Protein backbone atom coordinates (compact mmCIF):
# COMPACT_ATOMS: atom_id res chain seq x y z
CA UNK A 1 -14.59 0.23 8.03
CA UNK A 2 -16.74 2.16 10.47
CA UNK A 3 -14.45 2.46 13.49
CA UNK A 4 -13.29 6.06 13.23
CA UNK A 5 -10.72 5.59 16.03
CA UNK A 6 -8.65 3.02 14.10
CA UNK A 7 -5.53 4.36 12.42
CA UNK A 8 -5.49 4.18 8.65
CA UNK A 9 -4.19 1.02 7.01
CA UNK A 10 -1.43 3.07 5.37
CA UNK A 11 0.32 3.58 8.71
CA UNK A 12 -0.60 7.23 9.25
CA UNK A 13 -1.89 8.07 12.70
CA UNK A 14 -5.19 9.41 11.36
CA UNK A 15 -8.40 7.41 11.02
CA UNK A 16 -9.06 5.78 7.63
CA UNK A 17 -12.06 8.07 7.11
CA UNK A 18 -9.82 11.13 7.40
CA UNK A 19 -6.78 9.72 5.60
CA UNK A 20 -7.05 7.39 2.59
CA UNK A 21 -10.81 6.97 2.27
CA UNK A 22 -11.42 10.47 0.78
CA UNK A 23 -8.69 9.80 -1.81
CA UNK A 24 -9.94 6.30 -2.69
CA UNK A 25 -13.55 7.51 -2.93
CA UNK A 26 -12.53 10.38 -5.23
CA UNK A 27 -13.59 13.15 -2.83
CA UNK A 28 -10.03 14.49 -2.74
CA UNK A 29 -6.95 13.96 -4.88
CA UNK A 30 -3.61 12.71 -3.62
CA UNK A 31 -1.47 15.80 -3.10
CA UNK A 32 1.79 13.96 -3.79
CA UNK A 33 3.17 10.57 -4.80
CA UNK A 34 3.54 9.39 -1.20
CA UNK A 35 -0.15 10.04 -0.52
CA UNK A 36 -1.05 8.14 -3.67
CA UNK A 37 1.22 5.24 -2.70
CA UNK A 38 -0.34 5.09 0.76
CA UNK A 39 -3.85 5.12 -0.73
CA UNK A 40 -2.89 2.35 -3.17
CA UNK A 41 -1.62 0.20 -0.28
CA UNK A 42 -4.86 0.84 1.58
CA UNK A 43 -6.84 -0.07 -1.54
CA UNK A 44 -5.02 -3.41 -1.64
CA UNK A 45 -5.92 -3.95 2.04
CA UNK A 46 -9.62 -3.27 1.41
CA UNK A 47 -9.53 -4.93 -2.04
CA UNK A 48 -10.63 -1.88 -4.02
CA UNK A 49 -9.13 -3.03 -7.32
CA UNK A 50 -11.01 -0.52 -9.53
CA UNK A 51 -9.26 2.28 -7.59
CA UNK A 52 -5.88 0.59 -7.98
CA UNK A 53 -6.42 0.29 -11.74
CA UNK A 54 -7.40 3.96 -12.11
CA UNK A 55 -4.24 5.07 -10.25
CA UNK A 56 -1.91 3.53 -12.83
CA UNK A 57 -0.52 5.89 -15.47
CA UNK A 58 -2.40 5.59 -18.77
CA UNK A 59 0.32 3.59 -20.53
CA UNK A 60 0.43 0.93 -17.80
CA UNK A 61 -3.33 0.99 -17.24
CA UNK A 62 -4.05 0.13 -20.87
CA UNK A 63 -2.62 -3.38 -20.39
CA UNK A 64 -4.41 -4.18 -17.12
CA UNK A 65 -7.88 -5.13 -15.96
CA UNK A 66 -9.60 -5.19 -12.58
CA UNK A 67 -9.88 -8.96 -12.97
CA UNK A 68 -6.11 -9.33 -13.42
CA UNK A 69 -5.44 -7.21 -10.35
CA UNK A 70 -7.97 -9.19 -8.32
CA UNK A 71 -6.47 -12.51 -9.41
CA UNK A 72 -2.90 -11.41 -8.64
CA UNK A 73 -3.87 -10.42 -5.09
CA UNK A 74 -5.83 -13.55 -4.29
CA UNK A 75 -5.03 -15.04 -0.84
CA UNK A 76 -2.81 -12.04 0.00
CA UNK A 77 -3.42 -10.25 3.30
CA UNK A 78 -1.61 -6.92 3.42
CA UNK A 79 -0.51 -6.18 6.98
CA UNK A 80 1.74 -3.16 7.30
CA UNK A 81 3.27 -0.35 5.26
CA UNK A 82 6.57 1.34 6.00
CA UNK A 83 7.41 4.34 3.80
CA UNK A 84 11.20 4.72 3.73
CA UNK A 85 11.63 7.72 1.42
CA UNK A 86 9.75 10.13 -0.84
CA UNK A 87 11.70 11.93 -3.56
CA UNK A 88 9.39 14.46 -5.25
CA UNK A 89 10.20 16.41 -8.40
CA UNK A 90 7.88 18.75 -10.27
CA UNK A 91 6.01 16.11 -12.33
CA UNK A 92 7.69 12.87 -11.27
CA UNK A 93 8.49 11.25 -7.95
CA UNK A 94 9.86 8.11 -6.37
CA UNK A 95 8.62 6.46 -3.20
CA UNK A 96 10.59 3.72 -1.46
CA UNK A 97 8.55 1.48 0.79
CA UNK A 98 8.26 -1.90 2.42
CA UNK A 99 4.89 -3.62 2.33
CA UNK A 100 4.45 -6.56 4.67
CA UNK A 101 1.93 -9.24 3.81
CA UNK A 102 0.87 -12.80 4.51
CA UNK A 103 -0.02 -15.63 2.13
CA UNK A 104 -1.06 -19.07 3.40
CA UNK A 105 0.35 -18.43 6.89
CA UNK A 106 3.75 -17.29 5.62
CA UNK A 107 5.08 -13.74 5.95
CA UNK A 108 6.67 -11.70 3.19
CA UNK A 109 8.07 -8.24 2.62
CA UNK A 110 7.99 -6.38 -0.66
CA UNK A 111 10.64 -3.67 -0.71
CA UNK A 112 10.01 -1.51 -3.76
CA UNK A 113 11.25 1.71 -5.32
CA UNK A 114 8.16 3.02 -7.11
CA UNK A 115 7.99 5.65 -9.84
CA UNK A 116 5.14 8.12 -10.20
CA UNK A 117 4.21 10.76 -12.76
CA UNK A 118 1.63 13.54 -12.93
CA UNK A 119 -0.95 13.04 -15.68
CA UNK A 120 -3.83 15.48 -16.12
CA UNK A 121 -2.90 17.13 -12.79
CA UNK A 122 -3.15 13.79 -10.91
CA UNK A 123 -0.41 11.58 -9.50
CA UNK A 124 -0.22 8.13 -11.13
CA UNK A 125 1.87 5.02 -10.52
CA UNK A 126 4.08 3.91 -13.42
CA UNK A 127 6.49 1.16 -12.40
CA UNK A 128 8.34 -0.25 -9.45
CA UNK A 129 11.63 -2.03 -8.95
CA UNK A 130 11.55 -4.78 -6.34
CA UNK A 131 14.63 -4.60 -4.12
CA UNK A 132 16.89 -7.57 -3.30
CA UNK A 133 15.79 -7.86 0.32
CA UNK A 134 12.18 -8.67 -0.69
CA UNK A 135 10.77 -12.11 -0.03
CA UNK A 136 9.78 -14.43 2.77
CA UNK A 137 10.83 -13.63 6.32
CA UNK A 138 10.06 -14.69 9.89
CA UNK A 139 8.86 -11.91 12.18
CA UNK A 140 10.76 -11.83 15.46
CA UNK A 141 8.64 -13.04 18.36
CA UNK A 142 9.23 -9.91 20.48
CA UNK A 143 8.70 -7.41 17.67
CA UNK A 144 5.48 -5.42 17.23
CA UNK A 145 2.89 -7.47 15.39
CA UNK A 146 2.50 -6.51 11.74
CA UNK A 147 -1.29 -6.51 12.00
CA UNK A 148 -1.19 -3.20 13.90
CA UNK A 149 -2.72 -4.50 17.12
CA UNK A 150 0.06 -2.95 19.21
CA UNK A 151 0.82 -6.35 20.75
CA UNK A 152 4.01 -8.32 20.41
CA UNK A 153 4.00 -10.74 17.50
CA UNK A 154 4.29 -13.78 19.81
CA UNK A 155 1.12 -12.74 21.69
CA UNK A 156 -0.89 -11.90 18.59
CA UNK A 157 -0.51 -13.39 15.10
CA UNK A 158 2.50 -15.50 16.11
CA UNK A 159 0.45 -17.81 18.32
């Protein structure tokens, strides 16, 4: 991504190069669990599966591979992130979010309550509980398009 005027994929109003890219590239560390969650979402958007793997806590990471992460995300286009809550503690945190995505022309929402822990002074993802309102949905025609274009859904991806 070279367009510095585009807002970051994570939904923040800063350009990708000033938001999640420095975290994903390892130039800076996520300062809290919400920043890590946002960078993980962005990594799914740009398909940086090695980064996603390294942001798992060591116990969860030991049972995963980049290939497994790549395979599980095949044909998935992540569209929009909505962070609902961030509950930080000293060395643990929870982030509640909705991630909107598309697979084979159908739209889905993943509503998750994610748990994070600090390991070696870095925030890491441990587990997430998918909430009951997750699943397929139909975007309303007059709602903002999930792709972030700023257009109404019916005049953008809904055509």
